[in-house]
Amino acid sequence: MRTARLFAGWLCIALGFGLIVLLGLGVLDPTRDAAAHATSATPVLIALMPSVAIGLTVFALGLWLLATGKKKR
């Protein structure tokens, strides 16, 4: 169980980090439509919020899995 939890934790961290990097590089661009018609940065940031939140949540889940998977001494 501990090995599976650690593997899932590292996998979540890698997936979360990868998603955030892909968003940062513009490979995944959820803001394309919002940016085309935006007159300010607010609609673009609102369009980007769900994708960034998912990436950070998966990353945080991985950290939680790793932190609670260690044996206490």
Protein backbone atom coordinates (compact mmCIF):
# COMPACT_ATOMS: atom_id res chain seq x y z
CA MET A 1 0.00 0.00 0.00
CA ARG A 2 2.82 2.39 0.88
CA THR A 3 4.56 1.81 -2.47
CA ALA A 4 1.37 2.44 -4.43
CA ARG A 5 0.74 5.61 -2.45
CA LEU A 6 4.25 6.91 -3.10
CA PHE A 7 3.98 6.05 -6.80
CA ALA A 8 0.62 7.82 -7.06
CA GLY A 9 2.06 10.82 -5.21
CA TRP A 10 5.03 11.16 -7.55
CA LEU A 11 2.75 10.63 -10.55
CA CYS A 12 0.41 13.40 -9.39
CA ILE A 13 3.34 15.75 -8.83
CA ALA A 14 4.69 15.02 -12.32
CA LEU A 15 1.27 15.46 -13.94
CA GLY A 16 0.56 18.69 -12.07
CA PHE A 17 3.97 20.10 -12.87
CA GLY A 18 3.63 19.04 -16.52
CA LEU A 19 0.21 20.66 -16.84
CA ILE A 20 1.47 23.92 -15.37
CA VAL A 21 4.50 23.90 -17.70
CA LEU A 22 2.30 23.20 -20.75
CA LEU A 23 0.02 26.08 -19.76
CA GLY A 24 3.00 28.34 -19.25
CA LEU A 25 4.48 27.48 -22.65
CA GLY A 26 1.14 28.01 -24.36
CA VAL A 27 0.75 24.43 -25.62
CA LEU A 28 -2.58 24.21 -23.84
CA ASP A 29 -4.26 27.53 -24.47
CA PRO A 30 -7.65 27.85 -22.77
CA THR A 31 -7.49 31.63 -23.11
CA ARG A 32 -7.48 31.78 -26.91
CA ASP A 33 -11.12 32.85 -27.27
CA ALA A 34 -11.06 35.12 -24.22
CA ALA A 35 -7.87 36.85 -25.38
CA ALA A 36 -9.22 37.46 -28.89
CA HIS A 37 -12.07 39.64 -27.62
CA ALA A 38 -10.60 40.98 -24.37
CA THR A 39 -10.19 44.66 -23.68
CA SER A 40 -8.44 43.99 -20.37
CA ALA A 41 -6.53 41.20 -18.66
CA THR A 42 -9.43 40.23 -16.40
CA PRO A 43 -11.29 37.95 -18.86
CA VAL A 44 -8.02 36.25 -19.79
CA LEU A 45 -7.15 35.55 -16.15
CA ILE A 46 -10.65 34.27 -15.46
CA ALA A 47 -10.41 31.91 -18.45
CA LEU A 48 -7.04 30.63 -17.22
CA MET A 49 -8.15 30.07 -13.62
CA PRO A 50 -9.77 26.59 -13.95
CA SER A 51 -6.79 25.07 -15.77
CA VAL A 52 -4.27 26.44 -13.30
CA ALA A 53 -6.46 25.36 -10.37
CA ILE A 54 -6.62 21.79 -11.69
CA GLY A 55 -2.84 21.68 -12.13
CA LEU A 56 -2.19 23.03 -8.65
CA THR A 57 -4.78 20.69 -7.11
CA VAL A 58 -3.18 17.62 -8.71
CA PHE A 59 0.24 18.84 -7.55
CA ALA A 60 -1.04 19.40 -3.99
CA LEU A 61 -2.69 15.96 -4.00
CA GLY A 62 0.68 14.44 -4.89
CA LEU A 63 2.38 16.29 -2.06
CA TRP A 64 -0.30 15.14 0.36
CA LEU A 65 0.07 11.52 -0.78
CA LEU A 66 3.83 11.67 -0.26
CA ALA A 67 3.66 13.46 3.08
CA THR A 68 1.08 11.11 4.62
CA GLY A 69 2.62 7.99 3.10
CA LYS A 70 5.76 8.10 5.21
CA LYS A 71 5.99 5.99 8.32
CA LYS A 72 6.00 7.88 11.59
CA ARG A 73 8.79 7.13 14.02
